[in-house]
Protein backbone atom coordinates (compact mmCIF):
# COMPACT_ATOMS: atom_id res chain seq x y z
CA MET A 1 50.75 112.32 82.05
CA SER A 2 52.59 108.94 81.37
CA GLY A 3 56.14 109.13 80.34
CA PRO A 4 57.73 107.87 77.32
CA ARG A 5 58.22 103.94 76.77
CA THR A 6 61.35 102.66 76.64
CA ASP A 7 61.16 102.81 72.58
CA GLY A 8 60.18 106.47 72.88
CA SER A 9 57.06 106.41 71.94
CA PRO A 10 54.11 107.72 74.40
CA ALA A 11 52.81 105.55 76.65
CA PRO A 12 48.98 104.82 76.45
CA GLU A 13 46.62 106.33 78.73
CA GLY A 14 43.16 107.41 79.77
CA PRO A 15 40.62 104.35 79.29
CA GLU A 16 43.11 102.24 76.95
CA ALA A 17 45.86 101.51 79.28
CA PRO A 18 43.48 99.42 81.42
CA GLU A 19 42.03 97.85 78.29
CA LEU A 20 45.57 96.77 77.30
CA LEU A 21 46.49 95.73 80.48
CA SER A 22 43.77 93.13 80.74
CA ARG A 23 44.31 91.75 77.22
CA THR A 24 47.93 91.18 77.96
CA ALA A 25 47.19 90.07 81.37
CA LEU A 26 44.60 87.03 79.98
CA ALA A 27 47.08 86.86 77.39
CA VAL A 28 50.08 85.60 79.17
CA PHE A 29 47.84 83.65 81.77
CA ARG A 30 46.82 81.90 78.80
CA LEU A 31 50.54 81.46 77.61
CA ASN A 32 51.12 80.13 81.13
CA GLY A 33 48.70 77.65 80.97
CA GLN A 34 50.40 76.45 77.48
CA PHE A 35 53.66 76.60 78.67
CA LEU A 36 52.82 74.25 81.40
CA SER A 37 51.50 72.26 79.15
CA VAL A 38 54.12 72.03 77.07
CA ALA A 39 56.49 72.03 79.80
CA ASP A 40 54.66 68.62 81.23
CA GLY A 41 54.89 67.02 78.06
CA LEU A 42 58.38 67.84 77.43
CA ALA A 43 59.19 66.61 81.50
CA ARG A 44 57.13 63.49 81.76
CA PRO A 45 59.58 60.71 79.63
CA ALA A 46 62.00 62.00 82.14
CA GLY A 47 59.67 61.20 85.28
CA LEU A 48 59.87 65.17 86.24
CA THR A 49 56.79 67.41 85.74
CA ALA A 50 56.73 71.24 84.53
CA ALA A 51 57.24 72.61 88.31
CA TRP A 52 59.97 69.27 89.31
CA TRP A 53 61.90 70.42 85.94
CA GLN A 54 61.91 74.38 86.71
CA VAL A 55 63.26 74.12 90.09
CA LEU A 56 65.93 71.65 89.03
CA GLY A 57 66.61 73.84 86.27
CA ALA A 58 67.01 76.62 88.77
CA VAL A 59 69.88 74.97 90.74
CA LEU A 60 71.70 73.41 87.81
CA PRO A 61 74.54 76.29 87.17
CA GLU A 62 74.65 76.63 91.00
CA PRO A 63 72.84 75.90 94.37
CA LEU A 64 70.38 78.14 95.63
CA SER A 65 68.60 78.24 98.68
CA VAL A 66 64.47 77.76 98.52
CA ALA A 67 63.68 81.53 98.98
CA GLY A 68 66.51 82.49 96.19
CA ILE A 69 64.95 79.74 94.04
CA ALA A 70 61.26 81.65 94.39
CA ARG A 71 62.76 85.09 93.76
CA VAL A 72 64.57 83.38 90.66
CA MET A 73 61.10 82.09 89.35
CA GLY A 74 58.64 84.43 90.68
CA ILE A 75 56.69 81.57 93.17
CA THR A 76 55.99 81.34 96.60
CA ARG A 77 58.79 79.92 98.94
CA GLN A 78 55.82 77.53 99.87
CA SER A 79 55.84 76.33 96.79
CA VAL A 80 58.77 75.77 96.17
CA GLN A 81 60.02 74.34 99.36
CA ARG A 82 57.16 71.76 98.41
CA ILE A 83 58.84 70.72 95.13
CA ALA A 84 62.72 70.89 96.58
CA ASP A 85 61.26 68.67 100.02
CA LEU A 86 59.60 66.17 97.02
CA LEU A 87 62.83 66.46 94.85
CA VAL A 88 65.16 65.38 97.74
CA ASP A 89 62.99 62.67 98.34
CA ARG A 90 63.02 61.46 95.19
CA GLY A 91 67.00 61.28 94.92
CA LEU A 92 66.99 64.41 92.81
CA ALA A 93 68.31 66.80 94.72
CA VAL A 94 70.02 67.32 97.76
CA TYR A 95 70.53 69.99 100.86
CA ARG A 96 73.46 71.45 101.16
CA PRO A 97 75.16 73.42 103.83
CA ASN A 98 74.63 77.05 103.48
CA PRO A 99 77.70 79.36 104.20
CA ALA A 100 75.97 82.71 104.21
CA HIS A 101 72.74 81.49 106.60
CA ARG A 102 73.24 78.35 108.55
CA ARG A 103 69.43 77.95 108.51
CA ALA A 104 68.73 78.72 105.03
CA LYS A 105 70.32 75.56 103.18
CA LEU A 106 70.99 75.15 99.68
CA LEU A 107 69.28 72.76 97.52
CA ALA A 108 71.74 70.99 94.87
CA PRO A 109 70.96 68.46 91.84
CA THR A 110 71.99 65.07 92.03
CA GLU A 111 73.58 63.58 89.20
CA GLU A 112 70.13 61.48 88.86
CA GLY A 113 68.35 65.01 88.60
CA ARG A 114 71.47 66.11 86.37
CA ALA A 115 70.27 63.42 84.07
CA ALA A 116 66.72 63.67 84.72
CA VAL A 117 66.73 67.42 83.05
CA ALA A 118 69.15 65.92 80.21
CA ARG A 119 67.02 63.52 79.22
CA ILE A 120 64.52 66.42 78.20
CA THR A 121 67.16 68.15 75.86
CA PRO A 122 66.26 66.18 72.79
CA GLY A 123 62.33 66.60 73.06
CA HIS A 124 62.97 70.18 74.23
CA GLY A 125 64.99 71.18 71.17
CA GLU A 126 62.75 69.62 68.57
CA PHE A 127 59.72 71.88 70.27
CA ALA A 128 62.11 75.01 69.80
CA ALA A 129 62.84 74.14 66.29
CA ARG A 130 59.01 73.83 65.07
CA LEU A 131 58.16 76.86 67.18
CA HIS A 132 60.29 78.63 66.17
CA GLU A 133 59.22 77.50 62.40
CA GLN A 134 55.82 78.45 63.34
CA LEU A 135 56.55 81.96 64.62
CA GLY A 136 58.53 82.65 60.70
CA GLY A 137 61.79 82.48 62.09
CA ALA A 138 64.70 83.93 64.46
CA ASP A 139 63.86 87.58 64.39
CA VAL A 140 60.08 87.13 65.25
CA PHE A 141 61.47 84.60 67.91
CA ARG A 142 63.61 87.11 69.24
CA ARG A 143 61.13 90.55 69.02
CA VAL A 144 58.82 87.89 71.28
CA THR A 145 61.14 87.11 74.03
CA ALA A 146 62.42 90.42 73.76
CA ALA A 147 58.91 91.80 74.59
CA LEU A 148 57.92 89.31 77.09
CA GLU A 149 61.26 90.49 78.74
CA GLU A 150 60.94 93.71 78.71
CA LEU A 151 57.19 93.41 80.02
CA SER A 152 58.66 91.23 83.43
CA ALA A 153 61.35 94.51 83.70
CA ALA A 154 58.49 96.76 83.60
CA LEU A 155 56.93 94.71 86.48
CA ASP A 156 59.73 94.35 88.56
CA ALA A 157 60.47 98.10 88.39
CA LEU A 158 56.86 99.39 89.61
CA PRO A 159 56.22 99.13 93.53
CA GLY A 160 52.96 96.82 93.59
CA PRO A 161 49.71 97.09 94.59
CA THR A 162 48.38 97.94 97.58
CA ASP A 163 47.83 96.04 100.79
CA SER A 164 44.79 97.22 101.11
CA PRO A 165 41.82 94.10 101.25
CA PRO A 166 39.03 94.93 98.78
CA ASP A 167 35.87 96.59 99.76
CA ALA A 168 33.89 94.21 101.62
CA GLY A 169 30.77 95.56 100.50
CA ALA A 170 31.40 96.08 97.01
């Protein structure tokens, strides 16, 4: 038997749980595609892609290692490394020494990188206002955000699937 959810209601059991997982996954995959499309549209006038914006955004508050960015963003270290190298090549970021680890350098935005992200802000604000209105206001927007954060936290708390390869005969 499953335990109660964080809101106190019982967790779905039996055939309902797999169906809900499938519906949720498909909705999140679609939402991810929609967000990437919007982000690319917002980033393009600033000379960035959604992926470049994502990595630069991760290091705006403080420099991070490639592995640290990957953890925060939930993407592979190899993907972050490729994007970080492109950002450095284009003068939007630099690698700095990492006092905690000699080989794992820290990625930091340059002034040009910060300026590129700042150029996105007006379009981002305008789009956020339109989405806010489309959702019906701040209360709904907050509930949607909280539900997505709760889903992410629940997935973080679960052990991953087994590492067994799929049955080749299936």
